[in-house]
Amino acid sequence: FNANCTALQLIDILKKNSTPILKKDFFFIKKPEITNQ
């Protein structure tokens, strides 16, 4: 029940069951910018 292990185990499971398809650099959005585009 130590999150230091289980948090990374979760990511490992997601990686094994997902195929990364995104090429964009990751960015953190500090404020939502809602557009109507």
PDB file of all heavy atoms in Angstrom:
ATOM      1  N   PHE A   1       0.803  -1.223   0.000  1.00  0.00           N
ATOM      2  CA  PHE A   1       0.000   0.000   0.000  1.00  0.00           C
ATOM      3  C   PHE A   1       0.834   1.271   0.000  1.00  0.00           C
ATOM      4  O   PHE A   1       0.324   2.344   0.307  1.00  0.00           O
ATOM      5  CB  PHE A   1      -0.940   0.005   1.215  1.00  0.00           C
ATOM      6  CG  PHE A   1      -1.835  -1.187   1.305  1.00  0.00           C
ATOM      7  CD1 PHE A   1      -2.196  -1.715   2.541  1.00  0.00           C
ATOM      8  CD2 PHE A   1      -2.345  -1.791   0.165  1.00  0.00           C
ATOM      9  CE1 PHE A   1      -3.030  -2.812   2.629  1.00  0.00           C
ATOM     10  CE2 PHE A   1      -3.179  -2.896   0.244  1.00  0.00           C
ATOM     11  CZ  PHE A   1      -3.521  -3.408   1.485  1.00  0.00           C
ATOM     12  N   ASN A   2       2.098   1.165  -0.346  1.00  0.00           N
ATOM     13  CA  ASN A   2       2.971   2.329  -0.410  1.00  0.00           C
ATOM     14  C   ASN A   2       2.857   2.956  -1.799  1.00  0.00           C
ATOM     15  O   ASN A   2       3.192   2.328  -2.809  1.00  0.00           O
ATOM     16  CB  ASN A   2       4.413   1.922  -0.123  1.00  0.00           C
ATOM     17  CG  ASN A   2       5.331   3.112   0.083  1.00  0.00           C
ATOM     18  OD1 ASN A   2       5.161   4.164  -0.551  1.00  0.00           O
ATOM     19  ND2 ASN A   2       6.311   2.963   0.964  1.00  0.00           N
ATOM     20  N   ALA A   3       2.402   4.202  -1.857  1.00  0.00           N
ATOM     21  CA  ALA A   3       2.160   4.855  -3.149  1.00  0.00           C
ATOM     22  C   ALA A   3       3.420   5.034  -3.969  1.00  0.00           C
ATOM     23  O   ALA A   3       3.353   5.166  -5.198  1.00  0.00           O
ATOM     24  CB  ALA A   3       1.496   6.214  -2.931  1.00  0.00           C
ATOM     25  N   ASN A   4       4.566   5.050  -3.327  1.00  0.00           N
ATOM     26  CA  ASN A   4       5.815   5.161  -4.080  1.00  0.00           C
ATOM     27  C   ASN A   4       5.984   3.994  -5.050  1.00  0.00           C
ATOM     28  O   ASN A   4       6.667   4.120  -6.070  1.00  0.00           O
ATOM     29  CB  ASN A   4       7.010   5.208  -3.120  1.00  0.00           C
ATOM     30  CG  ASN A   4       7.097   6.534  -2.386  1.00  0.00           C
ATOM     31  OD1 ASN A   4       6.864   7.583  -2.978  1.00  0.00           O
ATOM     32  ND2 ASN A   4       7.395   6.494  -1.098  1.00  0.00           N
ATOM     33  N   CYS A   5       5.353   2.885  -4.733  1.00  0.00           N
ATOM     34  CA  CYS A   5       5.384   1.724  -5.633  1.00  0.00           C
ATOM     35  C   CYS A   5       4.145   1.657  -6.506  1.00  0.00           C
ATOM     36  O   CYS A   5       4.243   1.489  -7.728  1.00  0.00           O
ATOM     37  CB  CYS A   5       5.514   0.437  -4.814  1.00  0.00           C
ATOM     38  SG  CYS A   5       7.017   0.308  -3.838  1.00  0.00           S
ATOM     39  N   THR A   6       2.970   1.811  -5.897  1.00  0.00           N
ATOM     40  CA  THR A   6       1.725   1.604  -6.650  1.00  0.00           C
ATOM     41  C   THR A   6       1.498   2.664  -7.717  1.00  0.00           C
ATOM     42  O   THR A   6       0.911   2.368  -8.765  1.00  0.00           O
ATOM     43  CB  THR A   6       0.513   1.565  -5.694  1.00  0.00           C
ATOM     44  OG1 THR A   6       0.473   2.785  -4.934  1.00  0.00           O
ATOM     45  CG2 THR A   6       0.614   0.389  -4.743  1.00  0.00           C
ATOM     46  N   ALA A   7       1.955   3.899  -7.480  1.00  0.00           N
ATOM     47  CA  ALA A   7       1.765   4.959  -8.486  1.00  0.00           C
ATOM     48  C   ALA A   7       2.527   4.639  -9.758  1.00  0.00           C
ATOM     49  O   ALA A   7       2.043   4.883 -10.873  1.00  0.00           O
ATOM     50  CB  ALA A   7       2.215   6.302  -7.928  1.00  0.00           C
ATOM     51  N   LEU A   8       3.715   4.092  -9.615  1.00  0.00           N
ATOM     52  CA  LEU A   8       4.514   3.742 -10.788  1.00  0.00           C
ATOM     53  C   LEU A   8       4.033   2.433 -11.417  1.00  0.00           C
ATOM     54  O   LEU A   8       4.141   2.243 -12.630  1.00  0.00           O
ATOM     55  CB  LEU A   8       5.992   3.646 -10.402  1.00  0.00           C
ATOM     56  CG  LEU A   8       6.605   4.967  -9.909  1.00  0.00           C
ATOM     57  CD1 LEU A   8       8.085   4.776  -9.568  1.00  0.00           C
ATOM     58  CD2 LEU A   8       6.448   6.066 -10.954  1.00  0.00           C
ATOM     59  N   GLN A   9       3.470   1.539 -10.586  1.00  0.00           N
ATOM     60  CA  GLN A   9       2.883   0.313 -11.129  1.00  0.00           C
ATOM     61  C   GLN A   9       1.711   0.644 -12.044  1.00  0.00           C
ATOM     62  O   GLN A   9       1.519   0.007 -13.086  1.00  0.00           O
ATOM     63  CB  GLN A   9       2.413  -0.594  -9.990  1.00  0.00           C
ATOM     64  CG  GLN A   9       3.550  -1.250  -9.221  1.00  0.00           C
ATOM     65  CD  GLN A   9       3.064  -2.012  -7.995  1.00  0.00           C
ATOM     66  OE1 GLN A   9       1.876  -2.039  -7.696  1.00  0.00           O
ATOM     67  NE2 GLN A   9       3.994  -2.613  -7.275  1.00  0.00           N
ATOM     68  N   LEU A  10       0.924   1.642 -11.657  1.00  0.00           N
ATOM     69  CA  LEU A  10      -0.202   2.066 -12.478  1.00  0.00           C
ATOM     70  C   LEU A  10       0.277   2.544 -13.843  1.00  0.00           C
ATOM     71  O   LEU A  10      -0.281   2.165 -14.882  1.00  0.00           O
ATOM     72  CB  LEU A  10      -0.974   3.185 -11.770  1.00  0.00           C
ATOM     73  CG  LEU A  10      -2.057   3.906 -12.600  1.00  0.00           C
ATOM     74  CD1 LEU A  10      -3.088   2.925 -13.141  1.00  0.00           C
ATOM     75  CD2 LEU A  10      -2.731   4.985 -11.768  1.00  0.00           C
ATOM     76  N   ILE A  11       1.303   3.366 -13.858  1.00  0.00           N
ATOM     77  CA  ILE A  11       1.843   3.869 -15.126  1.00  0.00           C
ATOM     78  C   ILE A  11       2.389   2.718 -15.968  1.00  0.00           C
ATOM     79  O   ILE A  11       2.211   2.688 -17.192  1.00  0.00           O
ATOM     80  CB  ILE A  11       2.941   4.919 -14.870  1.00  0.00           C
ATOM     81  CG1 ILE A  11       2.327   6.159 -14.234  1.00  0.00           C
ATOM     82  CG2 ILE A  11       3.658   5.285 -16.160  1.00  0.00           C
ATOM     83  CD1 ILE A  11       1.211   6.800 -15.031  1.00  0.00           C
ATOM     84  N   ASP A  12       3.019   1.752 -15.322  1.00  0.00           N
ATOM     85  CA  ASP A  12       3.560   0.598 -16.046  1.00  0.00           C
ATOM     86  C   ASP A  12       2.429  -0.184 -16.724  1.00  0.00           C
ATOM     87  O   ASP A  12       2.548  -0.596 -17.886  1.00  0.00           O
ATOM     88  CB  ASP A  12       4.322  -0.304 -15.078  1.00  0.00           C
ATOM     89  CG  ASP A  12       5.055  -1.429 -15.792  1.00  0.00           C
ATOM     90  OD1 ASP A  12       5.790  -1.138 -16.760  1.00  0.00           O
ATOM     91  OD2 ASP A  12       4.892  -2.604 -15.398  1.00  0.00           O
ATOM     92  N   ILE A  13       1.305  -0.372 -16.013  1.00  0.00           N
ATOM     93  CA  ILE A  13       0.150  -1.064 -16.585  1.00  0.00           C
ATOM     94  C   ILE A  13      -0.422  -0.282 -17.759  1.00  0.00           C
ATOM     95  O   ILE A  13      -0.759  -0.843 -18.811  1.00  0.00           O
ATOM     96  CB  ILE A  13      -0.922  -1.298 -15.504  1.00  0.00           C
ATOM     97  CG1 ILE A  13      -0.442  -2.356 -14.511  1.00  0.00           C
ATOM     98  CG2 ILE A  13      -2.251  -1.727 -16.133  1.00  0.00           C
ATOM     99  CD1 ILE A  13      -1.347  -2.529 -13.310  1.00  0.00           C
ATOM    100  N   LEU A  14      -0.518   1.046 -17.606  1.00  0.00           N
ATOM    101  CA  LEU A  14      -1.053   1.877 -18.686  1.00  0.00           C
ATOM    102  C   LEU A  14      -0.140   1.822 -19.916  1.00  0.00           C
ATOM    103  O   LEU A  14      -0.626   1.773 -21.051  1.00  0.00           O
ATOM    104  CB  LEU A  14      -1.214   3.318 -18.212  1.00  0.00           C
ATOM    105  CG  LEU A  14      -2.265   3.552 -17.118  1.00  0.00           C
ATOM    106  CD1 LEU A  14      -2.265   5.010 -16.700  1.00  0.00           C
ATOM    107  CD2 LEU A  14      -3.648   3.129 -17.575  1.00  0.00           C
ATOM    108  N   LYS A  15       1.153   1.850 -19.694  1.00  0.00           N
ATOM    109  CA  LYS A  15       2.097   1.793 -20.820  1.00  0.00           C
ATOM    110  C   LYS A  15       1.971   0.482 -21.582  1.00  0.00           C
ATOM    111  O   LYS A  15       1.998   0.456 -22.815  1.00  0.00           O
ATOM    112  CB  LYS A  15       3.531   1.954 -20.303  1.00  0.00           C
ATOM    113  CG  LYS A  15       3.937   3.396 -20.032  1.00  0.00           C
ATOM    114  CD  LYS A  15       5.418   3.462 -19.706  1.00  0.00           C
ATOM    115  CE  LYS A  15       5.890   4.904 -19.624  1.00  0.00           C
ATOM    116  NZ  LYS A  15       7.339   5.007 -19.361  1.00  0.00           N
ATOM    117  N   LYS A  16       1.825  -0.600 -20.844  1.00  0.00           N
ATOM    118  CA  LYS A  16       1.738  -1.909 -21.487  1.00  0.00           C
ATOM    119  C   LYS A  16       0.442  -2.079 -22.267  1.00  0.00           C
ATOM    120  O   LYS A  16       0.360  -2.926 -23.161  1.00  0.00           O
ATOM    121  CB  LYS A  16       1.846  -3.014 -20.424  1.00  0.00           C
ATOM    122  CG  LYS A  16       3.240  -3.144 -19.820  1.00  0.00           C
ATOM    123  CD  LYS A  16       3.270  -4.229 -18.749  1.00  0.00           C
ATOM    124  CE  LYS A  16       4.664  -4.363 -18.156  1.00  0.00           C
ATOM    125  NZ  LYS A  16       4.710  -5.387 -17.077  1.00  0.00           N
ATOM    126  N   ASN A  17      -0.567  -1.300 -21.908  1.00  0.00           N
ATOM    127  CA  ASN A  17      -1.862  -1.439 -22.557  1.00  0.00           C
ATOM    128  C   ASN A  17      -2.255  -0.219 -23.377  1.00  0.00           C
ATOM    129  O   ASN A  17      -3.418  -0.008 -23.683  1.00  0.00           O
ATOM    130  CB  ASN A  17      -2.928  -1.722 -21.492  1.00  0.00           C
ATOM    131  CG  ASN A  17      -2.748  -3.068 -20.842  1.00  0.00           C
ATOM    132  OD1 ASN A  17      -3.157  -4.089 -21.353  1.00  0.00           O
ATOM    133  ND2 ASN A  17      -2.095  -3.070 -19.684  1.00  0.00           N
ATOM    134  N   SER A  18      -1.276   0.609 -23.695  1.00  0.00           N
ATOM    135  CA  SER A  18      -1.511   1.776 -24.534  1.00  0.00           C
ATOM    136  C   SER A  18      -0.375   1.901 -25.533  1.00  0.00           C
ATOM    137  O   SER A  18       0.749   1.468 -25.282  1.00  0.00           O
ATOM    138  CB  SER A  18      -1.574   3.055 -23.682  1.00  0.00           C
ATOM    139  OG  SER A  18      -2.580   2.957 -22.718  1.00  0.00           O
ATOM    140  N   THR A  19      -0.682   2.498 -26.661  1.00  0.00           N
ATOM    141  CA  THR A  19       0.332   2.781 -27.668  1.00  0.00           C
ATOM    142  C   THR A  19       0.465   4.290 -27.800  1.00  0.00           C
ATOM    143  O   THR A  19      -0.454   4.958 -28.272  1.00  0.00           O
ATOM    144  CB  THR A  19      -0.052   2.198 -29.038  1.00  0.00           C
ATOM    145  OG1 THR A  19      -0.257   0.790 -28.906  1.00  0.00           O
ATOM    146  CG2 THR A  19       1.051   2.463 -30.052  1.00  0.00           C
ATOM    147  N   PRO A  20       1.599   4.859 -27.343  1.00  0.00           N
ATOM    148  CA  PRO A  20       1.759   6.318 -27.461  1.00  0.00           C
ATOM    149  C   PRO A  20       1.625   6.756 -28.906  1.00  0.00           C
ATOM    150  O   PRO A  20       2.305   6.239 -29.790  1.00  0.00           O
ATOM    151  CB  PRO A  20       3.175   6.552 -26.930  1.00  0.00           C
ATOM    152  CG  PRO A  20       3.430   5.390 -26.019  1.00  0.00           C
ATOM    153  CD  PRO A  20       2.745   4.221 -26.674  1.00  0.00           C
ATOM    154  N   ILE A  21       0.723   7.686 -29.134  1.00  0.00           N
ATOM    155  CA  ILE A  21       0.466   8.121 -30.509  1.00  0.00           C
ATOM    156  C   ILE A  21       0.745   9.597 -30.702  1.00  0.00           C
ATOM    157  O   ILE A  21       0.586  10.128 -31.789  1.00  0.00           O
ATOM    158  CB  ILE A  21      -1.008   7.855 -30.884  1.00  0.00           C
ATOM    159  CG1 ILE A  21      -1.934   8.599 -29.918  1.00  0.00           C
ATOM    160  CG2 ILE A  21      -1.315   6.384 -30.898  1.00  0.00           C
ATOM    161  CD1 ILE A  21      -3.397   8.523 -30.277  1.00  0.00           C
ATOM    162  N   LEU A  22       1.138  10.266 -29.613  1.00  0.00           N
ATOM    163  CA  LEU A  22       1.252  11.710 -29.660  1.00  0.00           C
ATOM    164  C   LEU A  22       2.690  12.152 -29.840  1.00  0.00           C
ATOM    165  O   LEU A  22       3.597  11.627 -29.221  1.00  0.00           O
ATOM    166  CB  LEU A  22       0.669  12.315 -28.379  1.00  0.00           C
ATOM    167  CG  LEU A  22      -0.748  11.803 -28.078  1.00  0.00           C
ATOM    168  CD1 LEU A  22      -1.162  12.196 -26.689  1.00  0.00           C
ATOM    169  CD2 LEU A  22      -1.719  12.347 -29.089  1.00  0.00           C
ATOM    170  N   LYS A  23       2.889  13.124 -30.679  1.00  0.00           N
ATOM    171  CA  LYS A  23       4.239  13.620 -30.963  1.00  0.00           C
ATOM    172  C   LYS A  23       4.478  15.014 -30.387  1.00  0.00           C
ATOM    173  O   LYS A  23       5.584  15.506 -30.403  1.00  0.00           O
ATOM    174  CB  LYS A  23       4.459  13.647 -32.480  1.00  0.00           C
ATOM    175  CG  LYS A  23       4.233  12.305 -33.171  1.00  0.00           C
ATOM    176  CD  LYS A  23       5.132  11.219 -32.621  1.00  0.00           C
ATOM    177  CE  LYS A  23       4.894   9.887 -33.314  1.00  0.00           C
ATOM    178  NZ  LYS A  23       5.713   8.812 -32.759  1.00  0.00           N
ATOM    179  N   LYS A  24       3.400  15.632 -29.888  1.00  0.00           N
ATOM    180  CA  LYS A  24       3.553  16.991 -29.379  1.00  0.00           C
ATOM    181  C   LYS A  24       4.323  16.993 -28.068  1.00  0.00           C
ATOM    182  O   LYS A  24       4.263  16.045 -27.300  1.00  0.00           O
ATOM    183  CB  LYS A  24       2.176  17.621 -29.149  1.00  0.00           C
ATOM    184  CG  LYS A  24       1.395  17.853 -30.434  1.00  0.00           C
ATOM    185  CD  LYS A  24       0.094  18.566 -30.122  1.00  0.00           C
ATOM    186  CE  LYS A  24      -0.706  18.821 -31.402  1.00  0.00           C
ATOM    187  NZ  LYS A  24      -1.962  19.533 -31.124  1.00  0.00           N
ATOM    188  N   ASP A  25       5.046  18.080 -27.817  1.00  0.00           N
ATOM    189  CA  ASP A  25       5.683  18.250 -26.520  1.00  0.00           C
ATOM    190  C   ASP A  25       4.602  18.479 -25.485  1.00  0.00           C
ATOM    191  O   ASP A  25       3.610  19.154 -25.731  1.00  0.00           O
ATOM    192  CB  ASP A  25       6.642  19.446 -26.526  1.00  0.00           C
ATOM    193  CG  ASP A  25       7.852  19.188 -27.407  1.00  0.00           C
ATOM    194  OD1 ASP A  25       8.192  17.999 -27.568  1.00  0.00           O
ATOM    195  OD2 ASP A  25       8.430  20.155 -27.916  1.00  0.00           O
ATOM    196  N   PHE A  26       4.834  17.939 -24.304  1.00  0.00           N
ATOM    197  CA  PHE A  26       3.853  18.102 -23.240  1.00  0.00           C
ATOM    198  C   PHE A  26       3.963  19.494 -22.642  1.00  0.00           C
ATOM    199  O   PHE A  26       5.038  20.047 -22.525  1.00  0.00           O
ATOM    200  CB  PHE A  26       4.102  17.065 -22.141  1.00  0.00           C
ATOM    201  CG  PHE A  26       3.070  17.076 -21.065  1.00  0.00           C
ATOM    202  CD1 PHE A  26       1.885  16.390 -21.227  1.00  0.00           C
ATOM    203  CD2 PHE A  26       3.285  17.777 -19.896  1.00  0.00           C
ATOM    204  CE1 PHE A  26       0.931  16.392 -20.249  1.00  0.00           C
ATOM    205  CE2 PHE A  26       2.326  17.788 -18.912  1.00  0.00           C
ATOM    206  CZ  PHE A  26       1.149  17.086 -19.083  1.00  0.00           C
ATOM    207  N   PHE A  27       2.845  20.058 -22.283  1.00  0.00           N
ATOM    208  CA  PHE A  27       2.859  21.358 -21.627  1.00  0.00           C
ATOM    209  C   PHE A  27       1.823  21.372 -20.530  1.00  0.00           C
ATOM    210  O   PHE A  27       0.812  20.679 -20.594  1.00  0.00           O
ATOM    211  CB  PHE A  27       2.574  22.485 -22.621  1.00  0.00           C
ATOM    212  CG  PHE A  27       1.225  22.380 -23.283  1.00  0.00           C
ATOM    213  CD1 PHE A  27       0.127  23.041 -22.757  1.00  0.00           C
ATOM    214  CD2 PHE A  27       1.048  21.612 -24.422  1.00  0.00           C
ATOM    215  CE1 PHE A  27      -1.108  22.938 -23.359  1.00  0.00           C
ATOM    216  CE2 PHE A  27      -0.195  21.499 -25.019  1.00  0.00           C
ATOM    217  CZ  PHE A  27      -1.274  22.169 -24.493  1.00  0.00           C
ATOM    218  N   PHE A  28       2.084  22.151 -19.489  1.00  0.00           N
ATOM    219  CA  PHE A  28       1.140  22.297 -18.397  1.00  0.00           C
ATOM    220  C   PHE A  28       0.326  23.559 -18.625  1.00  0.00           C
ATOM    221  O   PHE A  28       0.872  24.627 -18.858  1.00  0.00           O
ATOM    222  CB  PHE A  28       1.870  22.405 -17.050  1.00  0.00           C
ATOM    223  CG  PHE A  28       2.539  21.132 -16.668  1.00  0.00           C
ATOM    224  CD1 PHE A  28       3.914  21.056 -16.564  1.00  0.00           C
ATOM    225  CD2 PHE A  28       1.783  20.001 -16.418  1.00  0.00           C
ATOM    226  CE1 PHE A  28       4.533  19.875 -16.208  1.00  0.00           C
ATOM    227  CE2 PHE A  28       2.391  18.813 -16.051  1.00  0.00           C
ATOM    228  CZ  PHE A  28       3.770  18.744 -15.943  1.00  0.00           C
ATOM    229  N   ILE A  29      -0.970  23.439 -18.537  1.00  0.00           N
ATOM    230  CA  ILE A  29      -1.855  24.570 -18.734  1.00  0.00           C
ATOM    231  C   ILE A  29      -2.239  25.120 -17.371  1.00  0.00           C
ATOM    232  O   ILE A  29      -2.904  24.456 -16.592  1.00  0.00           O
ATOM    233  CB  ILE A  29      -3.122  24.153 -19.497  1.00  0.00           C
ATOM    234  CG1 ILE A  29      -2.741  23.485 -20.800  1.00  0.00           C
ATOM    235  CG2 ILE A  29      -4.033  25.339 -19.732  1.00  0.00           C
ATOM    236  CD1 ILE A  29      -3.888  22.873 -21.533  1.00  0.00           C
ATOM    237  N   LYS A  30      -1.805  26.323 -17.088  1.00  0.00           N
ATOM    238  CA  LYS A  30      -2.094  26.894 -15.783  1.00  0.00           C
ATOM    239  C   LYS A  30      -3.467  27.549 -15.734  1.00  0.00           C
ATOM    240  O   LYS A  30      -4.098  27.606 -14.706  1.00  0.00           O
ATOM    241  CB  LYS A  30      -1.014  27.902 -15.401  1.00  0.00           C
ATOM    242  CG  LYS A  30       0.354  27.256 -15.215  1.00  0.00           C
ATOM    243  CD  LYS A  30       1.385  28.249 -14.716  1.00  0.00           C
ATOM    244  CE  LYS A  30       2.725  27.561 -14.511  1.00  0.00           C
ATOM    245  NZ  LYS A  30       3.749  28.492 -14.011  1.00  0.00           N
ATOM    246  N   LYS A  31      -3.926  28.070 -16.855  1.00  0.00           N
ATOM    247  CA  LYS A  31      -5.238  28.686 -16.910  1.00  0.00           C
ATOM    248  C   LYS A  31      -5.962  28.168 -18.144  1.00  0.00           C
ATOM    249  O   LYS A  31      -5.410  28.147 -19.232  1.00  0.00           O
ATOM    250  CB  LYS A  31      -5.129  30.208 -16.983  1.00  0.00           C
ATOM    251  CG  LYS A  31      -4.540  30.844 -15.735  1.00  0.00           C
ATOM    252  CD  LYS A  31      -4.511  32.359 -15.861  1.00  0.00           C
ATOM    253  CE  LYS A  31      -3.929  32.998 -14.608  1.00  0.00           C
ATOM    254  NZ  LYS A  31      -3.888  34.469 -14.712  1.00  0.00           N
ATOM    255  N   PRO A  32      -7.200  27.716 -17.982  1.00  0.00           N
ATOM    256  CA  PRO A  32      -7.944  27.204 -19.134  1.00  0.00           C
ATOM    257  C   PRO A  32      -8.246  28.312 -20.129  1.00  0.00           C
ATOM    258  O   PRO A  32      -8.654  29.406 -19.758  1.00  0.00           O
ATOM    259  CB  PRO A  32      -9.239  26.668 -18.506  1.00  0.00           C
ATOM    260  CG  PRO A  32      -9.371  27.424 -17.234  1.00  0.00           C
ATOM    261  CD  PRO A  32      -7.986  27.694 -16.746  1.00  0.00           C
ATOM    262  N   GLU A  33      -8.010  28.024 -21.367  1.00  0.00           N
ATOM    263  CA  GLU A  33      -8.328  28.975 -22.428  1.00  0.00           C
ATOM    264  C   GLU A  33      -9.412  28.353 -23.299  1.00  0.00           C
ATOM    265  O   GLU A  33      -9.141  27.533 -24.174  1.00  0.00           O
ATOM    266  CB  GLU A  33      -7.084  29.290 -23.251  1.00  0.00           C
ATOM    267  CG  GLU A  33      -6.004  29.987 -22.442  1.00  0.00           C
ATOM    268  CD  GLU A  33      -4.768  30.285 -23.270  1.00  0.00           C
ATOM    269  OE1 GLU A  33      -4.763  29.954 -24.475  1.00  0.00           O
ATOM    270  OE2 GLU A  33      -3.825  30.848 -22.708  1.00  0.00           O
ATOM    271  N   ILE A  34     -10.617  28.718 -23.030  1.00  0.00           N
ATOM    272  CA  ILE A  34     -11.748  28.146 -23.743  1.00  0.00           C
ATOM    273  C   ILE A  34     -11.997  28.940 -25.021  1.00  0.00           C
ATOM    274  O   ILE A  34     -12.161  30.149 -24.991  1.00  0.00           O
ATOM    275  CB  ILE A  34     -13.003  28.163 -22.865  1.00  0.00           C
ATOM    276  CG1 ILE A  34     -12.698  27.513 -21.511  1.00  0.00           C
ATOM    277  CG2 ILE A  34     -14.168  27.494 -23.553  1.00  0.00           C
ATOM    278  CD1 ILE A  34     -12.268  26.088 -21.608  1.00  0.00           C
ATOM    279  N   THR A  35     -11.994  28.252 -26.139  1.00  0.00           N
ATOM    280  CA  THR A  35     -12.257  28.916 -27.413  1.00  0.00           C
ATOM    281  C   THR A  35     -13.427  28.245 -28.088  1.00  0.00           C
ATOM    282  O   THR A  35     -13.869  27.168 -27.711  1.00  0.00           O
ATOM    283  CB  THR A  35     -11.029  28.828 -28.336  1.00  0.00           C
ATOM    284  OG1 THR A  35     -10.873  27.468 -28.757  1.00  0.00           O
ATOM    285  CG2 THR A  35      -9.766  29.297 -27.626  1.00  0.00           C
ATOM    286  N   ASN A  36     -13.909  28.892 -29.121  1.00  0.00           N
ATOM    287  CA  ASN A  36     -15.026  28.323 -29.880  1.00  0.00           C
ATOM    288  C   ASN A  36     -14.570  27.822 -31.242  1.00  0.00           C
ATOM    289  O   ASN A  36     -15.378  27.657 -32.145  1.00  0.00           O
ATOM    290  CB  ASN A  36     -16.128  29.375 -30.064  1.00  0.00           C
ATOM    291  CG  ASN A  36     -16.819  29.681 -28.757  1.00  0.00           C
ATOM    292  OD1 ASN A  36     -17.120  28.755 -28.003  1.00  0.00           O
ATOM    293  ND2 ASN A  36     -17.058  30.949 -28.481  1.00  0.00           N
ATOM    294  N   GLN A  37     -13.259  27.580 -31.383  1.00  0.00           N
ATOM    295  CA  GLN A  37     -12.767  27.160 -32.685  1.00  0.00           C
ATOM    296  C   GLN A  37     -13.215  25.734 -33.010  1.00  0.00           C
ATOM    297  O   GLN A  37     -13.203  25.322 -34.151  1.00  0.00           O
ATOM    298  CB  GLN A  37     -11.239  27.232 -32.706  1.00  0.00           C
ATOM    299  CG  GLN A  37     -10.586  26.229 -31.757  1.00  0.00           C
ATOM    300  CD  GLN A  37      -9.083  26.402 -31.729  1.00  0.00           C
ATOM    301  OE1 GLN A  37      -8.554  27.490 -31.892  1.00  0.00           O
ATOM    302  NE2 GLN A  37      -8.391  25.311 -31.562  1.00  0.00           N
TER     303      GLN A  37
END
